[in-house]
Amino acid sequence: QVQLVESGGDLVQPGGSLRLSCAASGGIFNSYTMNWYRQAPGKQRELVASISSTGSSTDSADSVKRRFSISRDNAENTVYLRMNSLKPEDTAVYYCNALKITALRYSYWGQGTQVTVSS
């Protein structure tokens, strides 16, 4: 059983920056792909960024490329999302997700942290 706890969400002005953190426990952290999703009110949840289990590969949505950066510290069982040049459309609840696909699919979610970008 994997538990994920996000932190770092805040109210920030357009153009500002935040770093979100996700602390994992209860599993073998370096066996999971880690993802950040977000969901705005009235909209579907969307994938923001992903990082492979070793940290050797990353990907991000086109809407946040060159602004957001995902990273992980396997020694500390933590994944991060650095967000720069924030826009009002980035406002959402951000969720951490741990994913492992073998013969079965394992997916775990954190509680979410609110990011609000407004002047």
Protein backbone atom coordinates (compact mmCIF):
# COMPACT_ATOMS: atom_id res chain seq x y z
CA GLN A 1 0.00 0.00 0.00
CA VAL A 2 1.49 3.28 -1.17
CA GLN A 3 0.61 6.55 0.52
CA LEU A 4 1.27 9.90 -1.15
CA VAL A 5 1.16 13.32 0.51
CA GLU A 6 1.38 16.51 -1.56
CA SER A 7 2.40 19.91 -0.29
CA GLY A 8 3.39 23.32 -1.62
CA GLY A 9 0.17 24.59 -3.17
CA ASP A 10 -0.53 28.29 -2.68
CA LEU A 11 -2.05 31.47 -4.06
CA VAL A 12 0.40 33.11 -6.46
CA GLN A 13 0.27 36.00 -8.93
CA PRO A 14 0.59 35.44 -12.68
CA GLY A 15 4.24 35.03 -13.59
CA GLY A 16 5.10 33.63 -10.19
CA SER A 17 6.62 30.28 -9.23
CA LEU A 18 5.86 27.38 -6.93
CA ARG A 19 7.42 24.02 -6.11
CA LEU A 20 5.11 21.16 -5.26
CA SER A 21 6.35 18.15 -3.31
CA CYS A 22 4.98 14.62 -3.01
CA ALA A 23 6.29 12.36 -0.27
CA ALA A 24 5.75 8.61 -0.75
CA SER A 25 5.69 5.81 1.78
CA GLY A 26 4.62 2.17 1.99
CA GLY A 27 6.11 0.96 -1.29
CA ILE A 28 9.30 0.52 -3.26
CA PHE A 29 9.56 4.06 -4.59
CA ASN A 30 12.07 3.38 -7.35
CA SER A 31 9.73 0.81 -8.95
CA TYR A 32 7.06 3.43 -9.78
CA THR A 33 6.60 5.92 -12.53
CA MET A 34 5.53 9.16 -10.86
CA ASN A 35 3.03 11.57 -12.37
CA TRP A 36 1.51 14.96 -11.63
CA TYR A 37 -2.10 15.51 -12.67
CA ARG A 38 -4.32 18.53 -12.23
CA GLN A 39 -8.05 19.16 -12.24
CA ALA A 40 -9.74 22.54 -12.55
CA PRO A 41 -13.38 23.07 -11.51
CA GLY A 42 -15.77 21.65 -14.10
CA LYS A 43 -12.96 20.12 -16.15
CA GLN A 44 -11.49 16.66 -16.58
CA ARG A 45 -8.33 15.63 -14.79
CA GLU A 46 -5.30 16.02 -17.06
CA LEU A 47 -1.78 14.67 -16.98
CA VAL A 48 0.77 17.44 -16.41
CA ALA A 49 4.13 15.66 -16.16
CA SER A 50 5.69 12.21 -15.73
CA ILE A 51 9.03 10.84 -14.64
CA SER A 52 10.29 7.28 -14.99
CA SER A 53 11.14 5.10 -12.01
CA THR A 54 14.87 5.83 -12.23
CA GLY A 55 14.43 9.48 -13.19
CA SER A 56 16.15 8.94 -16.53
CA SER A 57 13.13 10.01 -18.60
CA THR A 58 10.58 12.80 -18.23
CA ASP A 59 7.64 14.12 -20.19
CA SER A 60 5.17 16.97 -19.83
CA ALA A 61 2.03 18.33 -21.41
CA ASP A 62 2.46 20.79 -24.26
CA SER A 63 0.69 23.48 -22.24
CA VAL A 64 3.39 23.45 -19.54
CA LYS A 65 6.51 22.59 -21.51
CA ARG A 66 9.36 25.06 -20.88
CA ARG A 67 7.58 26.25 -17.72
CA PHE A 68 7.20 23.17 -15.49
CA SER A 69 9.87 20.64 -14.53
CA ILE A 70 9.39 17.29 -12.79
CA SER A 71 12.13 15.63 -10.76
CA ARG A 72 12.53 12.91 -8.14
CA ASP A 73 14.85 12.03 -5.29
CA ASN A 74 14.66 8.27 -4.83
CA ALA A 75 16.82 8.41 -1.71
CA GLU A 76 14.15 10.60 -0.09
CA ASN A 77 11.10 8.94 -1.74
CA THR A 78 9.96 12.32 -3.02
CA VAL A 79 8.85 13.72 -6.38
CA TYR A 80 8.74 17.44 -7.17
CA LEU A 81 7.05 19.73 -9.65
CA ARG A 82 8.75 23.08 -10.21
CA MET A 83 6.30 25.53 -11.79
CA ASN A 84 7.53 28.80 -13.30
CA SER A 85 5.79 31.58 -15.22
CA LEU A 86 2.42 30.56 -13.82
CA LYS A 87 -0.74 31.54 -15.67
CA PRO A 88 -4.35 31.80 -14.47
CA GLU A 89 -5.19 28.71 -16.53
CA ASP A 90 -2.79 26.72 -14.33
CA THR A 91 -5.25 27.12 -11.45
CA ALA A 92 -6.29 23.63 -10.33
CA VAL A 93 -5.97 20.98 -7.67
CA TYR A 94 -2.70 19.17 -8.35
CA TYR A 95 -2.48 15.44 -7.61
CA CYS A 96 0.50 13.15 -7.24
CA ASN A 97 0.19 9.68 -8.76
CA ALA A 98 2.34 6.55 -8.47
CA LEU A 99 1.98 4.03 -11.30
CA LYS A 100 3.39 0.56 -11.87
CA ILE A 101 2.32 -1.79 -14.63
CA THR A 102 3.47 -5.41 -14.54
CA ALA A 103 1.04 -8.30 -14.94
CA LEU A 104 -1.32 -6.00 -13.01
CA ARG A 105 -1.82 -2.23 -12.94
CA TYR A 106 -1.09 -0.42 -9.69
CA SER A 107 -2.10 3.23 -9.32
CA TYR A 108 -2.10 5.35 -6.16
CA TRP A 109 -3.17 8.95 -5.57
CA GLY A 110 -2.46 11.69 -3.10
CA GLN A 111 -5.07 13.99 -1.59
CA GLY A 112 -4.26 16.94 -3.84
CA THR A 113 -2.97 20.44 -3.22
CA GLN A 114 -4.61 23.66 -4.43
CA VAL A 115 -2.75 26.00 -6.77
CA THR A 116 -4.44 29.32 -7.49
CA VAL A 117 -2.93 31.80 -9.95
CA SER A 118 -4.64 35.17 -9.71
CA SER A 119 -3.84 38.86 -9.50
